[in-house]
Amino acid sequence: MKAGVHPAYHTAQVVCACGATYEVGSTRERMRVDVCARCHPFFTGSGSLIVDTGGRVERFRRRYQRAGR
């Protein structure tokens, strides 16, 4: 590899909007993010959308019967 071509690699501090801080390797020294593993709804389980698949299947069957098939 050529010398002087690649950017400097730092131990970066990532700060989330919820207040959590993480240390990662990056070419930047500090980063700010909106969501992280501590506050994202997928990881916390809050705000998850519950899909009622049983109700959808029943509605489909009722429509299918009305069509006379």
PDB file of N, CA and C in Angstrom:
ATOM      1  N   MET A   1       0.840  -1.193   0.000  1.00  0.00           N
ATOM      2  CA  MET A   1       0.000   0.000   0.000  1.00  0.00           C
ATOM      3  C   MET A   1       0.878   1.247   0.000  1.00  0.00           C
ATOM      4  N   LYS A   2       0.357   2.287  -0.560  1.00  0.00           N
ATOM      5  CA  LYS A   2       1.082   3.551  -0.577  1.00  0.00           C
ATOM      6  C   LYS A   2       1.038   4.205   0.797  1.00  0.00           C
ATOM      7  N   ALA A   3       2.102   4.820   1.171  1.00  0.00           N
ATOM      8  CA  ALA A   3       2.163   5.528   2.449  1.00  0.00           C
ATOM      9  C   ALA A   3       1.482   6.890   2.307  1.00  0.00           C
ATOM     10  N   GLY A   4       0.756   7.323   3.330  1.00  0.00           N
ATOM     11  CA  GLY A   4       0.142   8.639   3.344  1.00  0.00           C
ATOM     12  C   GLY A   4      -1.169   8.740   2.589  1.00  0.00           C
ATOM     13  N   VAL A   5      -1.704   7.621   2.069  1.00  0.00           N
ATOM     14  CA  VAL A   5      -2.940   7.658   1.301  1.00  0.00           C
ATOM     15  C   VAL A   5      -4.154   7.468   2.211  1.00  0.00           C
ATOM     16  N   HIS A   6      -4.028   6.631   3.199  1.00  0.00           N
ATOM     17  CA  HIS A   6      -5.152   6.269   4.051  1.00  0.00           C
ATOM     18  C   HIS A   6      -5.343   7.264   5.195  1.00  0.00           C
ATOM     19  N   PRO A   7      -6.582   7.540   5.577  1.00  0.00           N
ATOM     20  CA  PRO A   7      -6.821   8.469   6.686  1.00  0.00           C
ATOM     21  C   PRO A   7      -6.399   7.852   8.023  1.00  0.00           C
ATOM     22  N   ALA A   8      -6.191   8.703   8.992  1.00  0.00           N
ATOM     23  CA  ALA A   8      -5.794   8.242  10.324  1.00  0.00           C
ATOM     24  C   ALA A   8      -6.963   7.515  10.987  1.00  0.00           C
ATOM     25  N   TYR A   9      -6.654   6.423  11.685  1.00  0.00           N
ATOM     26  CA  TYR A   9      -7.658   5.605  12.354  1.00  0.00           C
ATOM     27  C   TYR A   9      -7.605   5.894  13.845  1.00  0.00           C
ATOM     28  N   HIS A  10      -8.766   6.287  14.429  1.00  0.00           N
ATOM     29  CA  HIS A  10      -8.829   6.687  15.833  1.00  0.00           C
ATOM     30  C   HIS A  10      -9.776   5.777  16.601  1.00  0.00           C
ATOM     31  N   THR A  11      -9.652   5.818  17.916  1.00  0.00           N
ATOM     32  CA  THR A  11     -10.683   5.255  18.785  1.00  0.00           C
ATOM     33  C   THR A  11     -11.682   6.377  18.985  1.00  0.00           C
ATOM     34  N   ALA A  12     -12.863   6.222  18.377  1.00  0.00           N
ATOM     35  CA  ALA A  12     -13.857   7.297  18.375  1.00  0.00           C
ATOM     36  C   ALA A  12     -14.856   7.112  19.489  1.00  0.00           C
ATOM     37  N   GLN A  13     -15.387   8.223  19.966  1.00  0.00           N
ATOM     38  CA  GLN A  13     -16.437   8.196  20.976  1.00  0.00           C
ATOM     39  C   GLN A  13     -17.759   8.531  20.278  1.00  0.00           C
ATOM     40  N   VAL A  14     -18.737   7.601  20.397  1.00  0.00           N
ATOM     41  CA  VAL A  14     -20.054   7.788  19.807  1.00  0.00           C
ATOM     42  C   VAL A  14     -21.002   8.161  20.935  1.00  0.00           C
ATOM     43  N   VAL A  15     -21.713   9.288  20.778  1.00  0.00           N
ATOM     44  CA  VAL A  15     -22.643   9.760  21.795  1.00  0.00           C
ATOM     45  C   VAL A  15     -24.047   9.720  21.199  1.00  0.00           C
ATOM     46  N   CYS A  16     -24.955   9.018  21.869  1.00  0.00           N
ATOM     47  CA  CYS A  16     -26.335   8.899  21.405  1.00  0.00           C
ATOM     48  C   CYS A  16     -27.176  10.017  22.029  1.00  0.00           C
ATOM     49  N   ALA A  17     -28.334  10.290  21.415  1.00  0.00           N
ATOM     50  CA  ALA A  17     -29.244  11.304  21.944  1.00  0.00           C
ATOM     51  C   ALA A  17     -29.799  10.903  23.305  1.00  0.00           C
ATOM     52  N   CYS A  18     -29.848   9.592  23.604  1.00  0.00           N
ATOM     53  CA  CYS A  18     -30.359   9.126  24.901  1.00  0.00           C
ATOM     54  C   CYS A  18     -29.320   9.270  26.006  1.00  0.00           C
ATOM     55  N   GLY A  19     -28.083   9.583  25.644  1.00  0.00           N
ATOM     56  CA  GLY A  19     -27.034   9.789  26.625  1.00  0.00           C
ATOM     57  C   GLY A  19     -26.010   8.669  26.688  1.00  0.00           C
ATOM     58  N   ALA A  20     -26.243   7.580  26.005  1.00  0.00           N
ATOM     59  CA  ALA A  20     -25.298   6.461  26.008  1.00  0.00           C
ATOM     60  C   ALA A  20     -24.054   6.822  25.201  1.00  0.00           C
ATOM     61  N   THR A  21     -22.912   6.337  25.647  1.00  0.00           N
ATOM     62  CA  THR A  21     -21.668   6.567  24.918  1.00  0.00           C
ATOM     63  C   THR A  21     -21.007   5.230  24.627  1.00  0.00           C
ATOM     64  N   TYR A  22     -20.397   5.127  23.462  1.00  0.00           N
ATOM     65  CA  TYR A  22     -19.715   3.923  23.027  1.00  0.00           C
ATOM     66  C   TYR A  22     -18.370   4.319  22.446  1.00  0.00           C
ATOM     67  N   GLU A  23     -17.420   3.398  22.483  1.00  0.00           N
ATOM     68  CA  GLU A  23     -16.133   3.623  21.839  1.00  0.00           C
ATOM     69  C   GLU A  23     -15.998   2.639  20.697  1.00  0.00           C
ATOM     70  N   VAL A  24     -15.704   3.162  19.516  1.00  0.00           N
ATOM     71  CA  VAL A  24     -15.549   2.356  18.303  1.00  0.00           C
ATOM     72  C   VAL A  24     -14.328   2.847  17.539  1.00  0.00           C
ATOM     73  N   GLY A  25     -13.893   2.076  16.572  1.00  0.00           N
ATOM     74  CA  GLY A  25     -12.800   2.501  15.711  1.00  0.00           C
ATOM     75  C   GLY A  25     -13.350   3.229  14.496  1.00  0.00           C
ATOM     76  N   SER A  26     -12.778   4.379  14.166  1.00  0.00           N
ATOM     77  CA  SER A  26     -13.268   5.167  13.047  1.00  0.00           C
ATOM     78  C   SER A  26     -12.202   6.145  12.587  1.00  0.00           C
ATOM     79  N   THR A  27     -12.467   6.758  11.442  1.00  0.00           N
ATOM     80  CA  THR A  27     -11.573   7.807  10.961  1.00  0.00           C
ATOM     81  C   THR A  27     -11.938   9.150  11.568  1.00  0.00           C
ATOM     82  N   ARG A  28     -13.088   9.225  12.227  1.00  0.00           N
ATOM     83  CA  ARG A  28     -13.502  10.443  12.937  1.00  0.00           C
ATOM     84  C   ARG A  28     -13.262  10.242  14.429  1.00  0.00           C
ATOM     85  N   GLU A  29     -13.057  11.322  15.166  1.00  0.00           N
ATOM     86  CA  GLU A  29     -12.770  11.198  16.589  1.00  0.00           C
ATOM     87  C   GLU A  29     -14.021  11.212  17.460  1.00  0.00           C
ATOM     88  N   ARG A  30     -15.076  11.918  17.017  1.00  0.00           N
ATOM     89  CA  ARG A  30     -16.345  11.967  17.771  1.00  0.00           C
ATOM     90  C   ARG A  30     -17.507  11.872  16.793  1.00  0.00           C
ATOM     91  N   MET A  31     -18.567  11.184  17.217  1.00  0.00           N
ATOM     92  CA  MET A  31     -19.780  11.087  16.403  1.00  0.00           C
ATOM     93  C   MET A  31     -20.992  11.214  17.310  1.00  0.00           C
ATOM     94  N   ARG A  32     -22.047  11.796  16.769  1.00  0.00           N
ATOM     95  CA  ARG A  32     -23.322  11.898  17.480  1.00  0.00           C
ATOM     96  C   ARG A  32     -24.373  11.157  16.667  1.00  0.00           C
ATOM     97  N   VAL A  33     -25.170  10.311  17.328  1.00  0.00           N
ATOM     98  CA  VAL A  33     -26.213   9.548  16.645  1.00  0.00           C
ATOM     99  C   VAL A  33     -27.552   9.793  17.334  1.00  0.00           C
ATOM    100  N   ASP A  34     -28.649   9.545  16.602  1.00  0.00           N
ATOM    101  CA  ASP A  34     -29.994   9.749  17.145  1.00  0.00           C
ATOM    102  C   ASP A  34     -30.484   8.547  17.939  1.00  0.00           C
ATOM    103  N   VAL A  35     -30.188   7.340  17.475  1.00  0.00           N
ATOM    104  CA  VAL A  35     -30.627   6.126  18.159  1.00  0.00           C
ATOM    105  C   VAL A  35     -29.465   5.152  18.281  1.00  0.00           C
ATOM    106  N   CYS A  36     -29.519   4.310  19.291  1.00  0.00           N
ATOM    107  CA  CYS A  36     -28.493   3.299  19.493  1.00  0.00           C
ATOM    108  C   CYS A  36     -29.168   2.010  19.959  1.00  0.00           C
ATOM    109  N   ALA A  37     -28.388   1.005  20.289  1.00  0.00           N
ATOM    110  CA  ALA A  37     -28.940  -0.277  20.725  1.00  0.00           C
ATOM    111  C   ALA A  37     -29.665  -0.149  22.066  1.00  0.00           C
ATOM    112  N   ARG A  38     -29.332   0.849  22.838  1.00  0.00           N
ATOM    113  CA  ARG A  38     -29.978   1.017  24.143  1.00  0.00           C
ATOM    114  C   ARG A  38     -31.355   1.667  24.049  1.00  0.00           C
ATOM    115  N   CYS A  39     -31.593   2.493  23.030  1.00  0.00           N
ATOM    116  CA  CYS A  39     -32.860   3.218  22.943  1.00  0.00           C
ATOM    117  C   CYS A  39     -33.689   2.898  21.708  1.00  0.00           C
ATOM    118  N   HIS A  40     -33.184   2.082  20.774  1.00  0.00           N
ATOM    119  CA  HIS A  40     -33.937   1.756  19.561  1.00  0.00           C
ATOM    120  C   HIS A  40     -35.097   0.819  19.909  1.00  0.00           C
ATOM    121  N   PRO A  41     -36.305   1.067  19.391  1.00  0.00           N
ATOM    122  CA  PRO A  41     -37.474   0.236  19.715  1.00  0.00           C
ATOM    123  C   PRO A  41     -37.302  -1.242  19.377  1.00  0.00           C
ATOM    124  N   PHE A  42     -36.535  -1.587  18.360  1.00  0.00           N
ATOM    125  CA  PHE A  42     -36.338  -2.997  18.022  1.00  0.00           C
ATOM    126  C   PHE A  42     -35.622  -3.733  19.144  1.00  0.00           C
ATOM    127  N   PHE A  43     -34.644  -3.107  19.753  1.00  0.00           N
ATOM    128  CA  PHE A  43     -33.871  -3.755  20.800  1.00  0.00           C
ATOM    129  C   PHE A  43     -34.529  -3.639  22.174  1.00  0.00           C
ATOM    130  N   THR A  44     -35.278  -2.575  22.425  1.00  0.00           N
ATOM    131  CA  THR A  44     -35.894  -2.386  23.732  1.00  0.00           C
ATOM    132  C   THR A  44     -37.235  -3.083  23.842  1.00  0.00           C
ATOM    133  N   GLY A  45     -37.901  -3.341  22.716  1.00  0.00           N
ATOM    134  CA  GLY A  45     -39.200  -4.006  22.741  1.00  0.00           C
ATOM    135  C   GLY A  45     -40.357  -3.042  22.922  1.00  0.00           C
ATOM    136  N   SER A  46     -40.093  -1.785  23.137  1.00  0.00           N
ATOM    137  CA  SER A  46     -41.168  -0.814  23.289  1.00  0.00           C
ATOM    138  C   SER A  46     -41.568  -0.288  21.919  1.00  0.00           C
ATOM    139  N   GLY A  47     -42.835  -0.029  21.755  1.00  0.00           N
ATOM    140  CA  GLY A  47     -43.312   0.528  20.507  1.00  0.00           C
ATOM    141  C   GLY A  47     -43.390  -0.471  19.375  1.00  0.00           C
ATOM    142  N   SER A  48     -43.333  -1.755  19.707  1.00  0.00           N
ATOM    143  CA  SER A  48     -43.395  -2.744  18.629  1.00  0.00           C
ATOM    144  C   SER A  48     -44.827  -2.887  18.128  1.00  0.00           C
ATOM    145  N   LEU A  49     -44.959  -3.106  16.857  1.00  0.00           N
ATOM    146  CA  LEU A  49     -46.257  -3.247  16.223  1.00  0.00           C
ATOM    147  C   LEU A  49     -46.657  -4.713  16.255  1.00  0.00           C
ATOM    148  N   ILE A  50     -47.792  -4.994  16.857  1.00  0.00           N
ATOM    149  CA  ILE A  50     -48.275  -6.371  16.930  1.00  0.00           C
ATOM    150  C   ILE A  50     -49.237  -6.586  15.767  1.00  0.00           C
ATOM    151  N   VAL A  51     -48.934  -7.561  14.936  1.00  0.00           N
ATOM    152  CA  VAL A  51     -49.748  -7.842  13.760  1.00  0.00           C
ATOM    153  C   VAL A  51     -50.683  -8.989  14.086  1.00  0.00           C
ATOM    154  N   ASP A  52     -51.969  -8.765  13.882  1.00  0.00           N
ATOM    155  CA  ASP A  52     -52.971  -9.793  14.136  1.00  0.00           C
ATOM    156  C   ASP A  52     -53.161 -10.595  12.858  1.00  0.00           C
ATOM    157  N   THR A  53     -52.322 -11.591  12.646  1.00  0.00           N
ATOM    158  CA  THR A  53     -52.407 -12.368  11.411  1.00  0.00           C
ATOM    159  C   THR A  53     -53.661 -13.218  11.381  1.00  0.00           C
ATOM    160  N   GLY A  54     -54.110 -13.698  12.545  1.00  0.00           N
ATOM    161  CA  GLY A  54     -55.321 -14.503  12.583  1.00  0.00           C
ATOM    162  C   GLY A  54     -56.522 -13.725  12.081  1.00  0.00           C
ATOM    163  N   GLY A  55     -56.656 -12.481  12.463  1.00  0.00           N
ATOM    164  CA  GLY A  55     -57.763 -11.651  12.001  1.00  0.00           C
ATOM    165  C   GLY A  55     -57.692 -11.381  10.513  1.00  0.00           C
ATOM    166  N   ARG A  56     -56.516 -11.235   9.994  1.00  0.00           N
ATOM    167  CA  ARG A  56     -56.355 -10.996   8.561  1.00  0.00           C
ATOM    168  C   ARG A  56     -56.778 -12.223   7.762  1.00  0.00           C
ATOM    169  N   VAL A  57     -56.406 -13.393   8.249  1.00  0.00           N
ATOM    170  CA  VAL A  57     -56.767 -14.623   7.548  1.00  0.00           C
ATOM    171  C   VAL A  57     -58.276 -14.800   7.545  1.00  0.00           C
ATOM    172  N   GLU A  58     -58.917 -14.539   8.683  1.00  0.00           N
ATOM    173  CA  GLU A  58     -60.374 -14.668   8.761  1.00  0.00           C
ATOM    174  C   GLU A  58     -61.069 -13.688   7.818  1.00  0.00           C
ATOM    175  N   ARG A  59     -60.600 -12.463   7.744  1.00  0.00           N
ATOM    176  CA  ARG A  59     -61.186 -11.484   6.827  1.00  0.00           C
ATOM    177  C   ARG A  59     -61.038 -11.932   5.379  1.00  0.00           C
ATOM    178  N   PHE A  60     -59.881 -12.476   5.043  1.00  0.00           N
ATOM    179  CA  PHE A  60     -59.666 -12.967   3.683  1.00  0.00           C
ATOM    180  C   PHE A  60     -60.626 -14.110   3.363  1.00  0.00           C
ATOM    181  N   ARG A  61     -60.798 -15.030   4.296  1.00  0.00           N
ATOM    182  CA  ARG A  61     -61.707 -16.166   4.069  1.00  0.00           C
ATOM    183  C   ARG A  61     -63.150 -15.704   3.886  1.00  0.00           C
ATOM    184  N   ARG A  62     -63.573 -14.720   4.674  1.00  0.00           N
ATOM    185  CA  ARG A  62     -64.940 -14.204   4.530  1.00  0.00           C
ATOM    186  C   ARG A  62     -65.131 -13.567   3.156  1.00  0.00           C
ATOM    187  N   ARG A  63     -64.175 -12.795   2.695  1.00  0.00           N
ATOM    188  CA  ARG A  63     -64.268 -12.174   1.377  1.00  0.00           C
ATOM    189  C   ARG A  63     -64.272 -13.229   0.276  1.00  0.00           C
ATOM    190  N   TYR A  64     -63.449 -14.255   0.451  1.00  0.00           N
ATOM    191  CA  TYR A  64     -63.351 -15.307  -0.553  1.00  0.00           C
ATOM    192  C   TYR A  64     -64.664 -16.068  -0.654  1.00  0.00           C
ATOM    193  N   GLN A  65     -65.337 -16.310   0.470  1.00  0.00           N
ATOM    194  CA  GLN A  65     -66.630 -17.013   0.462  1.00  0.00           C
ATOM    195  C   GLN A  65     -67.704 -16.155  -0.199  1.00  0.00           C
ATOM    196  N   ARG A  66     -67.679 -14.862   0.027  1.00  0.00           N
ATOM    197  CA  ARG A  66     -68.664 -13.970  -0.584  1.00  0.00           C
ATOM    198  C   ARG A  66     -68.551 -13.940  -2.094  1.00  0.00           C
ATOM    199  N   ALA A  67     -67.356 -14.172  -2.589  1.00  0.00           N
ATOM    200  CA  ALA A  67     -67.141 -14.147  -4.032  1.00  0.00           C
ATOM    201  C   ALA A  67     -67.716 -15.383  -4.693  1.00  0.00           C
ATOM    202  N   GLY A  68     -68.147 -16.380  -3.891  1.00  0.00           N
ATOM    203  CA  GLY A  68     -68.766 -17.586  -4.431  1.00  0.00           C
ATOM    204  C   GLY A  68     -67.792 -18.597  -4.986  1.00  0.00           C
ATOM    205  N   ARG A  69     -66.636 -18.651  -4.440  1.00  0.00           N
ATOM    206  CA  ARG A  69     -65.622 -19.598  -4.932  1.00  0.00           C
ATOM    207  C   ARG A  69     -65.488 -20.758  -4.021  1.00  0.00           C
TER     208      ARG A  69
END
